[in-house]
Structures are given as structure tokens and as C-alpha cells.
């Protein structure tokens, strides 16, 4: 059972069904993707990091077993290290 106040996954996924909202979200993600690729990272690494962070954010937003405590810190450190290796 979801935590009180948690948004259901289906509710969130269906919430972007409006064409205008969908278009705005797509444009926003396209800009983010372009910015991280323009930052000098290999495009595959940049996309990997973006997708990892997207999933991490979604897990936290929806309460879907987000990494907690030390694991949260370790995941962040590994992503940071991956980015640093590219620069």
C-alpha cells in the first residue's frame, strides 16, 4: 500500500497525457539532454547519467524504494566519479 500522500505510478504516468503538457515536458527533456551533451561528456555517458538521475528522482518522488542513508550517498559518489572520469 502506498504511503499516505504518495502519488500512484499510474496516476503520474497518466498525468502527462495532455498534449500541451506532454510537448512542454518533451521540450524540457530535450534541452536538458542537449545541455549535458554540450558539457563535454561523451553522449553515451551523459545519457546514462541522465537516465540514472531520472530514475532516482522518480523513485524518490513516488516512494519506489529510493536509495536511503549510506546507499544514497554512495550512488551519488559513483555518478559523480563517472562524470569526473570523462572530464
C-alpha atoms as a PDB file:
ATOM      1  CA  UNK A   1       0.000   0.000   0.000  1.00  0.00           C
ATOM      2  CA  UNK A   2       1.465   3.425  -0.925  1.00  0.00           C
ATOM      3  CA  UNK A   3       2.438   5.820   1.818  1.00  0.00           C
ATOM      4  CA  UNK A   4      -0.114   8.441   2.715  1.00  0.00           C
ATOM      5  CA  UNK A   5       0.137  11.291   0.231  1.00  0.00           C
ATOM      6  CA  UNK A   6       2.091   9.210  -2.283  1.00  0.00           C
ATOM      7  CA  UNK A   7       1.090   9.513  -5.905  1.00  0.00           C
ATOM      8  CA  UNK A   8       0.297   6.275  -7.711  1.00  0.00           C
ATOM      9  CA  UNK A   9       2.584   5.373 -10.597  1.00  0.00           C
ATOM     10  CA  UNK A  10      -0.350   5.068 -12.983  1.00  0.00           C
ATOM     11  CA  UNK A  11      -1.684   8.436 -11.856  1.00  0.00           C
ATOM     12  CA  UNK A  12       1.669  10.128 -12.552  1.00  0.00           C
ATOM     13  CA  UNK A  13       2.175   8.360 -15.870  1.00  0.00           C
ATOM     14  CA  UNK A  14      -1.327   9.310 -16.974  1.00  0.00           C
ATOM     15  CA  UNK A  15      -0.846  12.884 -15.794  1.00  0.00           C
ATOM     16  CA  UNK A  16       1.214  13.800 -18.840  1.00  0.00           C
ATOM     17  CA  UNK A  17      -1.493  12.734 -21.275  1.00  0.00           C
ATOM     18  CA  UNK A  18      -2.416  16.337 -22.096  1.00  0.00           C
ATOM     19  CA  UNK A  19      -0.796  17.227 -25.432  1.00  0.00           C
ATOM     20  CA  UNK A  20       0.446  20.655 -24.280  1.00  0.00           C
ATOM     21  CA  UNK A  21       1.961  19.282 -21.070  1.00  0.00           C
ATOM     22  CA  UNK A  22       3.473  16.374 -22.979  1.00  0.00           C
ATOM     23  CA  UNK A  23       5.036  18.719 -25.520  1.00  0.00           C
ATOM     24  CA  UNK A  24       6.416  21.000 -22.798  1.00  0.00           C
ATOM     25  CA  UNK A  25       7.894  18.038 -20.910  1.00  0.00           C
ATOM     26  CA  UNK A  26       9.470  16.639 -24.076  1.00  0.00           C
ATOM     27  CA  UNK A  27      10.986  20.019 -24.943  1.00  0.00           C
ATOM     28  CA  UNK A  28      12.361  20.400 -21.430  1.00  0.00           C
ATOM     29  CA  UNK A  29      13.986  16.955 -21.526  1.00  0.00           C
ATOM     30  CA  UNK A  30      15.415  17.651 -24.988  1.00  0.00           C
ATOM     31  CA  UNK A  31      17.032  20.858 -23.658  1.00  0.00           C
ATOM     32  CA  UNK A  32      18.451  19.017 -20.618  1.00  0.00           C
ATOM     33  CA  UNK A  33      19.830  16.280 -22.841  1.00  0.00           C
ATOM     34  CA  UNK A  34      21.449  18.796 -25.164  1.00  0.00           C
ATOM     35  CA  UNK A  35      22.970  20.720 -22.248  1.00  0.00           C
ATOM     36  CA  UNK A  36      24.620  17.644 -20.749  1.00  0.00           C
ATOM     37  CA  UNK A  37      25.958  16.569 -24.136  1.00  0.00           C
ATOM     38  CA  UNK A  38      27.295  20.100 -24.714  1.00  0.00           C
ATOM     39  CA  UNK A  39      29.065  19.920 -21.344  1.00  0.00           C
ATOM     40  CA  UNK A  40      31.838  17.843 -22.892  1.00  0.00           C
ATOM     41  CA  UNK A  41      30.736  14.416 -21.723  1.00  0.00           C
ATOM     42  CA  UNK A  42      30.614  11.513 -24.112  1.00  0.00           C
ATOM     43  CA  UNK A  43      26.962  11.418 -25.303  1.00  0.00           C
ATOM     44  CA  UNK A  44      26.513   7.814 -24.100  1.00  0.00           C
ATOM     45  CA  UNK A  45      27.845   8.657 -20.626  1.00  0.00           C
ATOM     46  CA  UNK A  46      25.760  11.822 -20.492  1.00  0.00           C
ATOM     47  CA  UNK A  47      22.632   9.880 -21.397  1.00  0.00           C
ATOM     48  CA  UNK A  48      23.428   7.117 -18.914  1.00  0.00           C
ATOM     49  CA  UNK A  49      23.796   9.646 -16.111  1.00  0.00           C
ATOM     50  CA  UNK A  50      20.605  11.491 -17.101  1.00  0.00           C
ATOM     51  CA  UNK A  51      18.588   8.282 -17.203  1.00  0.00           C
ATOM     52  CA  UNK A  52      20.024   7.179 -13.852  1.00  0.00           C
ATOM     53  CA  UNK A  53      19.143  10.512 -12.272  1.00  0.00           C
ATOM     54  CA  UNK A  54      15.673  10.437 -13.868  1.00  0.00           C
ATOM     55  CA  UNK A  55      15.038   7.045 -12.290  1.00  0.00           C
ATOM     56  CA  UNK A  56      16.482   8.156  -8.970  1.00  0.00           C
ATOM     57  CA  UNK A  57      14.240  11.229  -8.953  1.00  0.00           C
ATOM     58  CA  UNK A  58      11.182   9.148  -9.869  1.00  0.00           C
ATOM     59  CA  UNK A  59      11.943   6.637  -7.107  1.00  0.00           C
ATOM     60  CA  UNK A  60      12.149   9.459  -4.573  1.00  0.00           C
ATOM     61  CA  UNK A  61       9.066  11.243  -5.918  1.00  0.00           C
ATOM     62  CA  UNK A  62       6.877   8.152  -5.893  1.00  0.00           C
ATOM     63  CA  UNK A  63       8.433   6.367  -2.918  1.00  0.00           C
ATOM     64  CA  UNK A  64       9.524   3.433  -5.109  1.00  0.00           C
ATOM     65  CA  UNK A  65      12.322   2.031  -2.927  1.00  0.00           C
ATOM     66  CA  UNK A  66      14.629   5.057  -3.250  1.00  0.00           C
ATOM     67  CA  UNK A  67      18.195   4.611  -2.008  1.00  0.00           C
ATOM     68  CA  UNK A  68      18.436   5.718   1.587  1.00  0.00           C
ATOM     69  CA  UNK A  69      21.125   6.808   4.003  1.00  0.00           C
ATOM     70  CA  UNK A  70      24.550   5.482   3.046  1.00  0.00           C
ATOM     71  CA  UNK A  71      23.379   3.993  -0.237  1.00  0.00           C
ATOM     72  CA  UNK A  72      22.066   7.382  -1.361  1.00  0.00           C
ATOM     73  CA  UNK A  73      25.496   8.884  -0.683  1.00  0.00           C
ATOM     74  CA  UNK A  74      27.326   6.013  -2.395  1.00  0.00           C
ATOM     75  CA  UNK A  75      25.175   6.199  -5.536  1.00  0.00           C
ATOM     76  CA  UNK A  76      25.739   9.935  -5.784  1.00  0.00           C
ATOM     77  CA  UNK A  77      29.501   9.447  -5.353  1.00  0.00           C
ATOM     78  CA  UNK A  78      29.603   6.820  -8.108  1.00  0.00           C
ATOM     79  CA  UNK A  79      27.688   9.019 -10.535  1.00  0.00           C
ATOM     80  CA  UNK A  80      29.993  11.921  -9.716  1.00  0.00           C
ATOM     81  CA  UNK A  81      33.038   9.698 -10.271  1.00  0.00           C
ATOM     82  CA  UNK A  82      31.667   8.535 -13.612  1.00  0.00           C
ATOM     83  CA  UNK A  83      31.250  12.130 -14.739  1.00  0.00           C
ATOM     84  CA  UNK A  84      34.699  13.093 -13.433  1.00  0.00           C
ATOM     85  CA  UNK A  85      36.335  10.275 -15.400  1.00  0.00           C
ATOM     86  CA  UNK A  86      35.025  11.852 -18.592  1.00  0.00           C
ATOM     87  CA  UNK A  87      36.482  15.308 -17.916  1.00  0.00           C
END
